[in-house]
Structure formats: C-alpha cells, structure tokens
N, C-alpha and C. Protein backbone atom coordinates (compact mmCIF):
# COMPACT_ATOMS: atom_id res chain seq x y z
N MET A 1 -26.95 53.80 -17.12
CA MET A 1 -27.74 52.59 -17.10
C MET A 1 -26.82 51.39 -16.93
N ILE A 2 -27.33 50.41 -16.24
CA ILE A 2 -26.59 49.17 -16.03
C ILE A 2 -27.05 48.17 -17.08
N GLU A 3 -26.08 47.57 -17.72
CA GLU A 3 -26.37 46.65 -18.81
C GLU A 3 -25.89 45.26 -18.41
N PHE A 4 -26.66 44.25 -18.77
CA PHE A 4 -26.26 42.88 -18.52
C PHE A 4 -26.55 42.06 -19.76
N GLY A 5 -25.54 41.47 -20.32
CA GLY A 5 -25.71 40.65 -21.51
C GLY A 5 -26.24 41.43 -22.70
N GLY A 6 -25.89 42.71 -22.77
CA GLY A 6 -26.34 43.54 -23.87
C GLY A 6 -27.77 44.06 -23.70
N VAL A 7 -28.37 43.83 -22.54
CA VAL A 7 -29.75 44.26 -22.28
C VAL A 7 -29.78 45.08 -21.00
N VAL A 8 -30.55 46.16 -21.01
CA VAL A 8 -30.75 46.96 -19.82
C VAL A 8 -32.08 46.54 -19.20
N TYR A 9 -32.06 46.21 -17.92
CA TYR A 9 -33.26 45.79 -17.20
C TYR A 9 -33.64 46.87 -16.18
N TYR A 10 -34.93 46.91 -15.86
CA TYR A 10 -35.40 47.83 -14.83
C TYR A 10 -36.58 47.20 -14.09
N ILE A 11 -36.89 47.74 -12.92
CA ILE A 11 -38.01 47.27 -12.12
C ILE A 11 -39.21 48.15 -12.44
N ASP A 12 -40.29 47.54 -12.90
CA ASP A 12 -41.51 48.27 -13.25
C ASP A 12 -42.38 48.40 -12.00
N ILE A 13 -42.37 49.58 -11.40
CA ILE A 13 -43.09 49.82 -10.17
C ILE A 13 -44.61 49.70 -10.38
N ASP A 14 -45.10 50.15 -11.54
CA ASP A 14 -46.53 50.04 -11.82
C ASP A 14 -46.97 48.58 -11.90
N ALA A 15 -46.15 47.73 -12.50
CA ALA A 15 -46.47 46.30 -12.57
C ALA A 15 -46.49 45.70 -11.17
N LEU A 16 -45.54 46.11 -10.35
CA LEU A 16 -45.48 45.63 -8.97
C LEU A 16 -46.76 46.03 -8.22
N GLN A 17 -47.18 47.28 -8.36
CA GLN A 17 -48.40 47.76 -7.70
C GLN A 17 -49.62 46.97 -8.15
N LYS A 18 -49.70 46.71 -9.45
CA LYS A 18 -50.85 45.99 -10.00
C LYS A 18 -50.92 44.56 -9.46
N ILE A 19 -49.77 43.92 -9.31
CA ILE A 19 -49.73 42.54 -8.85
C ILE A 19 -50.11 42.41 -7.38
N VAL A 20 -49.68 43.35 -6.54
CA VAL A 20 -49.95 43.22 -5.10
C VAL A 20 -51.29 43.81 -4.69
N THR A 21 -51.98 44.50 -5.61
CA THR A 21 -53.30 45.04 -5.30
C THR A 21 -54.35 43.97 -5.57
N PRO A 22 -55.23 43.73 -4.60
CA PRO A 22 -56.28 42.72 -4.82
C PRO A 22 -57.13 43.06 -6.03
N LYS A 23 -57.50 42.04 -6.79
CA LYS A 23 -58.29 42.25 -8.00
C LYS A 23 -59.71 42.70 -7.63
N GLY A 24 -60.23 43.66 -8.39
CA GLY A 24 -61.59 44.14 -8.18
C GLY A 24 -61.73 45.10 -7.02
N VAL A 25 -60.62 45.51 -6.41
CA VAL A 25 -60.66 46.42 -5.28
C VAL A 25 -60.05 47.75 -5.70
N LYS A 26 -60.75 48.83 -5.38
CA LYS A 26 -60.24 50.17 -5.67
C LYS A 26 -60.07 50.92 -4.36
N ALA A 27 -59.05 51.77 -4.30
CA ALA A 27 -58.79 52.54 -3.09
C ALA A 27 -59.94 53.49 -2.78
N THR A 28 -60.74 53.83 -3.80
CA THR A 28 -61.85 54.77 -3.60
C THR A 28 -63.16 54.06 -3.26
N ASP A 29 -63.15 52.73 -3.19
CA ASP A 29 -64.36 52.00 -2.79
C ASP A 29 -64.78 52.43 -1.39
N ILE A 30 -66.08 52.46 -1.15
CA ILE A 30 -66.61 52.82 0.17
C ILE A 30 -66.80 51.55 1.00
N VAL A 31 -66.27 51.59 2.21
CA VAL A 31 -66.41 50.48 3.14
C VAL A 31 -67.36 50.92 4.25
N LYS A 32 -68.42 50.14 4.44
CA LYS A 32 -69.39 50.44 5.49
C LYS A 32 -69.17 49.47 6.64
N THR A 33 -69.17 50.01 7.85
CA THR A 33 -69.03 49.18 9.04
C THR A 33 -70.20 49.44 9.97
N LYS A 34 -70.55 48.42 10.70
CA LYS A 34 -71.64 48.52 11.66
C LYS A 34 -71.17 47.86 12.95
N ASP A 35 -71.15 48.64 14.03
CA ASP A 35 -70.74 48.13 15.33
C ASP A 35 -71.90 48.22 16.30
N SER A 36 -72.01 47.22 17.17
CA SER A 36 -73.05 47.21 18.19
C SER A 36 -72.42 47.38 19.56
N LYS A 37 -73.10 48.16 20.39
CA LYS A 37 -72.63 48.39 21.75
C LYS A 37 -73.78 48.07 22.69
N THR A 38 -73.52 47.24 23.68
CA THR A 38 -74.55 46.89 24.66
C THR A 38 -74.60 47.96 25.74
N VAL A 39 -75.80 48.45 26.04
CA VAL A 39 -75.99 49.48 27.06
C VAL A 39 -76.55 48.81 28.31
N THR A 40 -75.90 49.06 29.46
CA THR A 40 -76.35 48.49 30.74
C THR A 40 -76.69 49.60 31.72
N ASN A 41 -77.51 49.27 32.72
CA ASN A 41 -77.82 50.24 33.76
C ASN A 41 -76.83 50.10 34.90
N GLU A 42 -77.08 50.84 36.01
CA GLU A 42 -76.15 50.82 37.15
C GLU A 42 -76.02 49.43 37.77
N GLU A 43 -77.04 48.62 37.62
CA GLU A 43 -77.03 47.29 38.22
C GLU A 43 -76.40 46.24 37.29
N GLY A 44 -76.00 46.65 36.09
CA GLY A 44 -75.36 45.75 35.15
C GLY A 44 -76.33 45.01 34.25
N LYS A 45 -77.60 45.37 34.33
CA LYS A 45 -78.60 44.72 33.48
C LYS A 45 -78.62 45.39 32.12
N VAL A 46 -78.78 44.58 31.07
CA VAL A 46 -78.83 45.09 29.70
C VAL A 46 -80.16 45.83 29.52
N VAL A 47 -80.03 47.09 29.08
CA VAL A 47 -81.24 47.88 28.85
C VAL A 47 -81.42 48.22 27.37
N GLY A 48 -80.45 47.84 26.55
CA GLY A 48 -80.57 48.10 25.12
C GLY A 48 -79.25 47.94 24.40
N THR A 49 -79.32 48.18 23.13
CA THR A 49 -78.10 48.16 22.31
C THR A 49 -78.04 49.43 21.48
N GLU A 50 -76.84 49.85 21.20
CA GLU A 50 -76.60 51.04 20.38
C GLU A 50 -75.86 50.58 19.13
N VAL A 51 -76.37 50.95 17.96
CA VAL A 51 -75.75 50.57 16.70
C VAL A 51 -75.08 51.81 16.11
N ILE A 52 -73.80 51.67 15.79
CA ILE A 52 -73.03 52.76 15.20
C ILE A 52 -72.62 52.34 13.80
N GLU A 53 -73.04 53.10 12.79
CA GLU A 53 -72.68 52.84 11.40
C GLU A 53 -71.72 53.91 10.93
N SER A 54 -70.73 53.49 10.13
CA SER A 54 -69.79 54.47 9.58
C SER A 54 -69.38 54.05 8.17
N GLU A 55 -68.93 55.04 7.42
CA GLU A 55 -68.44 54.81 6.05
C GLU A 55 -67.08 55.46 5.91
N ARG A 56 -66.23 54.84 5.12
CA ARG A 56 -64.91 55.41 4.81
C ARG A 56 -64.43 54.85 3.49
N GLU A 57 -63.46 55.56 2.88
CA GLU A 57 -62.84 55.01 1.67
C GLU A 57 -61.94 53.87 2.07
N ARG A 58 -61.87 52.86 1.22
CA ARG A 58 -61.09 51.67 1.53
C ARG A 58 -59.62 52.00 1.75
N GLY A 59 -59.06 52.82 0.91
CA GLY A 59 -57.63 53.08 0.99
C GLY A 59 -56.86 52.03 0.21
N ALA A 60 -55.57 52.04 0.35
CA ALA A 60 -54.72 51.11 -0.40
C ALA A 60 -54.62 49.78 0.33
N ASP A 61 -55.07 48.72 -0.34
CA ASP A 61 -54.94 47.36 0.19
C ASP A 61 -53.91 46.62 -0.66
N ILE A 62 -53.22 45.70 -0.01
CA ILE A 62 -52.28 44.84 -0.76
C ILE A 62 -52.49 43.40 -0.33
N GLU A 63 -52.12 42.49 -1.22
CA GLU A 63 -52.11 41.07 -0.88
C GLU A 63 -50.76 40.79 -0.23
N VAL A 64 -50.78 40.55 1.06
CA VAL A 64 -49.56 40.48 1.85
C VAL A 64 -48.63 39.36 1.40
N VAL A 65 -49.17 38.20 1.08
CA VAL A 65 -48.32 37.07 0.68
C VAL A 65 -47.57 37.42 -0.61
N LYS A 66 -48.28 38.00 -1.58
CA LYS A 66 -47.61 38.38 -2.84
C LYS A 66 -46.56 39.46 -2.57
N TYR A 67 -46.93 40.46 -1.77
CA TYR A 67 -46.00 41.56 -1.48
C TYR A 67 -44.72 41.02 -0.82
N ASP A 68 -44.88 40.19 0.22
CA ASP A 68 -43.70 39.66 0.92
C ASP A 68 -42.84 38.79 0.02
N THR A 69 -43.48 38.00 -0.83
CA THR A 69 -42.72 37.14 -1.75
C THR A 69 -41.93 37.98 -2.74
N ILE A 70 -42.57 38.97 -3.32
CA ILE A 70 -41.88 39.83 -4.29
C ILE A 70 -40.77 40.62 -3.62
N ARG A 71 -41.01 41.08 -2.40
CA ARG A 71 -39.98 41.82 -1.66
C ARG A 71 -38.75 40.92 -1.45
N LEU A 72 -38.98 39.68 -1.07
CA LEU A 72 -37.89 38.74 -0.87
C LEU A 72 -37.13 38.46 -2.17
N LEU A 73 -37.86 38.30 -3.27
CA LEU A 73 -37.22 38.06 -4.57
C LEU A 73 -36.37 39.26 -4.99
N LEU A 74 -36.91 40.47 -4.80
CA LEU A 74 -36.14 41.68 -5.14
C LEU A 74 -34.90 41.81 -4.27
N GLU A 75 -35.03 41.51 -2.99
CA GLU A 75 -33.86 41.56 -2.10
C GLU A 75 -32.80 40.57 -2.55
N THR A 76 -33.23 39.39 -2.99
CA THR A 76 -32.29 38.37 -3.45
C THR A 76 -31.47 38.88 -4.63
N ILE A 77 -32.13 39.57 -5.55
CA ILE A 77 -31.42 40.09 -6.71
C ILE A 77 -30.54 41.28 -6.35
N ILE A 78 -31.09 42.19 -5.58
CA ILE A 78 -30.36 43.42 -5.24
C ILE A 78 -29.18 43.11 -4.33
N ASP A 79 -29.33 42.17 -3.41
CA ASP A 79 -28.26 41.84 -2.47
C ASP A 79 -27.24 40.87 -3.04
N ASN A 80 -27.39 40.46 -4.30
CA ASN A 80 -26.43 39.56 -4.92
C ASN A 80 -25.11 40.31 -5.09
N ASN A 81 -24.11 39.91 -4.31
CA ASN A 81 -22.81 40.60 -4.34
C ASN A 81 -21.80 39.94 -5.27
N ASP A 82 -22.21 38.90 -5.96
CA ASP A 82 -21.30 38.21 -6.86
C ASP A 82 -21.04 39.08 -8.08
N GLU A 83 -19.79 39.17 -8.47
CA GLU A 83 -19.45 39.85 -9.72
C GLU A 83 -19.88 38.96 -10.87
N ILE A 84 -20.66 39.49 -11.76
CA ILE A 84 -21.11 38.71 -12.90
C ILE A 84 -20.40 39.25 -14.14
N ASP A 85 -19.56 38.42 -14.72
CA ASP A 85 -18.82 38.80 -15.93
C ASP A 85 -19.60 38.28 -17.13
N ASP A 86 -20.24 39.20 -17.85
CA ASP A 86 -21.05 38.78 -18.99
C ASP A 86 -20.33 38.96 -20.32
N SER A 87 -19.00 39.09 -20.26
CA SER A 87 -18.25 39.27 -21.49
C SER A 87 -18.30 38.03 -22.39
N MET A 88 -18.56 36.88 -21.79
CA MET A 88 -18.68 35.64 -22.56
C MET A 88 -20.15 35.32 -22.88
N GLY A 89 -21.03 36.28 -22.59
CA GLY A 89 -22.45 36.08 -22.85
C GLY A 89 -23.24 35.96 -21.57
N ALA A 90 -24.48 36.40 -21.63
CA ALA A 90 -25.34 36.40 -20.44
C ALA A 90 -25.63 34.98 -19.96
N ASP A 91 -25.87 34.06 -20.89
CA ASP A 91 -26.19 32.69 -20.49
C ASP A 91 -25.05 32.06 -19.69
N ARG A 92 -23.85 32.28 -20.15
CA ARG A 92 -22.69 31.70 -19.46
C ARG A 92 -22.49 32.36 -18.09
N ALA A 93 -22.71 33.67 -18.02
CA ALA A 93 -22.57 34.37 -16.75
C ALA A 93 -23.62 33.90 -15.75
N LEU A 94 -24.84 33.68 -16.22
CA LEU A 94 -25.91 33.25 -15.33
C LEU A 94 -25.71 31.83 -14.81
N GLU A 95 -24.95 31.01 -15.55
CA GLU A 95 -24.66 29.65 -15.09
C GLU A 95 -23.92 29.67 -13.76
N LYS A 96 -23.18 30.73 -13.50
CA LYS A 96 -22.37 30.82 -12.28
C LYS A 96 -23.13 31.44 -11.11
N THR A 97 -24.34 31.91 -11.32
CA THR A 97 -25.10 32.51 -10.22
C THR A 97 -25.81 31.42 -9.42
N SER A 98 -26.25 31.79 -8.22
CA SER A 98 -26.92 30.84 -7.34
C SER A 98 -28.32 30.53 -7.86
N ILE A 99 -28.86 29.41 -7.40
CA ILE A 99 -30.23 29.04 -7.77
C ILE A 99 -31.21 30.09 -7.24
N ASN A 100 -30.90 30.68 -6.07
CA ASN A 100 -31.76 31.74 -5.52
C ASN A 100 -31.86 32.91 -6.48
N PHE A 101 -30.73 33.35 -7.01
CA PHE A 101 -30.73 34.48 -7.94
C PHE A 101 -31.50 34.13 -9.20
N LYS A 102 -31.24 32.95 -9.76
CA LYS A 102 -31.92 32.55 -11.00
C LYS A 102 -33.43 32.48 -10.81
N LEU A 103 -33.86 31.87 -9.72
CA LEU A 103 -35.28 31.73 -9.45
C LEU A 103 -35.92 33.10 -9.23
N ALA A 104 -35.27 33.96 -8.48
CA ALA A 104 -35.80 35.31 -8.23
C ALA A 104 -35.90 36.10 -9.53
N PHE A 105 -34.84 36.11 -10.32
CA PHE A 105 -34.84 36.86 -11.57
C PHE A 105 -35.91 36.34 -12.52
N ASN A 106 -35.95 35.02 -12.71
CA ASN A 106 -36.92 34.44 -13.64
C ASN A 106 -38.36 34.71 -13.22
N THR A 107 -38.63 34.62 -11.93
CA THR A 107 -39.99 34.86 -11.44
C THR A 107 -40.39 36.31 -11.66
N LEU A 108 -39.52 37.24 -11.27
CA LEU A 108 -39.83 38.67 -11.44
C LEU A 108 -39.94 39.04 -12.91
N TYR A 109 -39.13 38.43 -13.74
CA TYR A 109 -39.20 38.69 -15.19
C TYR A 109 -40.51 38.14 -15.76
N ASN A 110 -40.88 36.94 -15.34
CA ASN A 110 -42.10 36.30 -15.82
C ASN A 110 -43.34 37.11 -15.45
N TYR A 111 -43.36 37.70 -14.27
CA TYR A 111 -44.50 38.49 -13.82
C TYR A 111 -44.45 39.95 -14.32
N GLY A 112 -43.44 40.29 -15.09
CA GLY A 112 -43.35 41.63 -15.66
C GLY A 112 -42.91 42.70 -14.70
N ILE A 113 -42.31 42.29 -13.57
CA ILE A 113 -41.80 43.27 -12.62
C ILE A 113 -40.41 43.72 -13.05
N ILE A 114 -39.60 42.79 -13.55
CA ILE A 114 -38.33 43.15 -14.19
C ILE A 114 -38.58 43.10 -15.69
N LYS A 115 -38.23 44.19 -16.34
CA LYS A 115 -38.46 44.29 -17.77
C LYS A 115 -37.19 44.73 -18.48
N GLU A 116 -37.15 44.41 -19.77
CA GLU A 116 -36.05 44.87 -20.62
C GLU A 116 -36.38 46.27 -21.11
N LYS A 117 -35.42 47.18 -21.01
CA LYS A 117 -35.61 48.52 -21.53
C LYS A 117 -35.41 48.48 -23.03
N GLU A 118 -36.37 49.04 -23.72
CA GLU A 118 -36.30 49.04 -25.20
C GLU A 118 -35.54 50.24 -25.72
C-alpha cells in the first residue's frame, strides 16, 4: 500500500460509478422507441406511413460532463511526477504541489471518489 502523510488513500470505483450515473436511471429500464417511415409509390407519391415500435433495455448511461471532469482530475493526480516528501508532514508536502494537483485531490476527496483506507 502507498501511504501519504500517515494515511493510505484509494479510489472508490463504486462511488465513481454512482456519481457518473444519471439519477433515477437504471440500466434495466425499458426504453420504447417509435419510428415512422413514409411509403411512396413508383411515381413518388405518398401512399401511407409505416410505424415501427421497439423496446430495449436502457443499458449503462453516464453523465458525460461529470465523467470527463473526473477522468481529467484523476489523470492530474496519477500523472503527478513530483516527488512528494511527507516526512515533515502531509500539510507541508502538499504546500509544494501544484494548484492543479491540490484542486484535483480536494475535489475527488470531497465527492468520495478518493477515500482514506481505515
């Protein structure tokens, strides 16, 4: 395990899934669609319409803006190549990190995506 400032952190995948899934939507919900098709004769005149109805399970939907934002925040933390020396304490070590890292870490921690291992 990787420890920082005496605390082990991890990414909670279930919390991430919950945040990017639209509220009130289940993958097993049934989605009904109705399509209309215009029927023409050889002369190009409209002779009727054909209605096609179908049903399917919704499947997995995500809120794209939230997903992309969280992906960017995670990349910011994971791609941080700065050596962080926390021997003088986590607060002091974090003072030397970039604003991007601090903002990404704080946001992910606040939303429960990064958690402290107990």
